[in-house]
Amino acid sequence: MENNEIKDVKVGEFLVRNGIITQRQLNDSLLLQKDNPERLIGEILVTQGILTKEELIMALELFLMVSDTQVMHVDEWLDQDEVDMLMEKIKEQQ
């Protein structure tokens, strides 16, 4: 995948394309998000138990690396407020 193609990919699509979650898991999470639009897809995936917080953070770090998104460095020891802030920044860029 070209770098400019990745910039147009949403986080959920990126997770599916890289085998981190299935399309069905994404679709189920997106349905839940329709009823709770203030919740980010990563938060929903963690709440559902599809991903752990650490898996989500590692996946987001990979997404940031390959999409060349300019956001702070992510590590697996972020607290929930930092994860939320990172997810908001990604959401704003999409």
Protein backbone atom coordinates (compact mmCIF):
# COMPACT_ATOMS: atom_id res chain seq x y z
CA MET A 1 0.00 0.00 0.00
CA GLU A 2 1.37 3.39 -0.99
CA ASN A 3 1.89 5.96 1.78
CA ASN A 4 -0.60 8.41 0.21
CA GLU A 5 -3.21 5.60 0.05
CA ILE A 6 -2.76 4.95 3.77
CA LYS A 7 -3.48 8.58 4.64
CA ASP A 8 -7.01 8.06 3.29
CA VAL A 9 -7.60 4.88 5.33
CA LYS A 10 -9.57 5.09 8.55
CA VAL A 11 -8.22 3.34 11.62
CA GLY A 12 -10.83 0.55 11.49
CA GLU A 13 -10.09 -0.18 7.84
CA PHE A 14 -6.37 -0.22 8.64
CA LEU A 15 -6.96 -2.76 11.42
CA VAL A 16 -8.86 -5.05 9.03
CA ARG A 17 -6.35 -4.69 6.18
CA ASN A 18 -3.54 -5.69 8.51
CA GLY A 19 -5.34 -8.69 10.01
CA ILE A 20 -5.60 -7.15 13.47
CA ILE A 21 -9.40 -7.48 13.51
CA THR A 22 -11.90 -9.05 11.12
CA GLN A 23 -14.31 -7.19 8.88
CA ARG A 24 -17.18 -8.61 10.93
CA GLN A 25 -15.66 -7.29 14.16
CA LEU A 26 -15.29 -3.86 12.56
CA ASN A 27 -18.85 -3.92 11.24
CA ASP A 28 -20.22 -4.89 14.67
CA SER A 29 -18.22 -2.11 16.30
CA LEU A 30 -19.37 0.43 13.72
CA LEU A 31 -22.99 -0.53 14.45
CA LEU A 32 -22.39 0.14 18.13
CA GLN A 33 -20.72 3.43 17.24
CA LYS A 34 -23.85 4.57 15.37
CA ASP A 35 -25.74 4.45 18.67
CA ASN A 36 -22.81 6.06 20.51
CA PRO A 37 -21.22 8.51 18.05
CA GLU A 38 -19.09 10.12 20.76
CA ARG A 39 -17.20 6.83 21.26
CA LEU A 40 -14.18 6.12 19.09
CA ILE A 41 -13.85 2.83 17.27
CA GLY A 42 -10.74 1.83 19.22
CA GLU A 43 -12.53 2.39 22.51
CA ILE A 44 -15.41 0.21 21.33
CA LEU A 45 -13.06 -2.56 20.20
CA VAL A 46 -11.41 -2.59 23.62
CA THR A 47 -14.74 -2.47 25.47
CA GLN A 48 -15.98 -5.43 23.42
CA GLY A 49 -12.85 -7.39 24.29
CA ILE A 50 -11.79 -7.66 20.64
CA LEU A 51 -8.51 -5.91 21.40
CA THR A 52 -6.70 -5.27 24.63
CA LYS A 53 -5.63 -1.72 25.39
CA GLU A 54 -2.03 -2.74 24.66
CA GLU A 55 -2.96 -4.31 21.30
CA LEU A 56 -4.85 -1.16 20.34
CA ILE A 57 -1.91 1.05 21.26
CA MET A 58 0.52 -1.11 19.26
CA ALA A 59 -1.86 -1.08 16.27
CA LEU A 60 -2.22 2.71 16.52
CA GLU A 61 1.53 3.08 16.68
CA LEU A 62 1.83 1.01 13.50
CA PHE A 63 -0.92 3.10 11.87
CA LEU A 64 0.90 6.31 12.78
CA MET A 65 4.21 4.99 11.44
CA VAL A 66 2.89 3.88 8.07
CA SER A 67 0.50 6.80 7.60
CA ASP A 68 3.17 9.34 8.53
CA THR A 69 0.67 11.03 10.86
CA GLN A 70 2.29 13.61 13.10
CA VAL A 71 1.16 12.69 16.60
CA MET A 72 3.16 12.09 19.76
CA HIS A 73 4.99 8.79 20.19
CA VAL A 74 2.79 6.05 21.55
CA ASP A 75 3.90 3.40 23.97
CA GLU A 76 2.06 0.60 25.71
CA TRP A 77 2.07 2.38 29.08
CA LEU A 78 -0.22 5.26 28.14
CA ASP A 79 -3.09 5.86 30.50
CA GLN A 80 -6.68 6.05 29.26
CA ASP A 81 -6.65 9.86 28.98
CA GLU A 82 -3.61 9.69 26.71
CA VAL A 83 -5.21 6.97 24.57
CA ASP A 84 -8.37 9.08 24.30
CA MET A 85 -6.34 12.14 23.29
CA LEU A 86 -4.48 10.14 20.64
CA MET A 87 -7.73 8.71 19.27
CA GLU A 88 -9.23 12.20 19.10
CA LYS A 89 -6.24 13.48 17.12
CA ILE A 90 -6.55 10.61 14.67
CA LYS A 91 -10.30 11.18 14.37
CA GLU A 92 -9.74 14.89 13.62
CA GLN A 93 -7.33 14.03 10.80
CA GLN A 94 -9.77 11.72 9.03
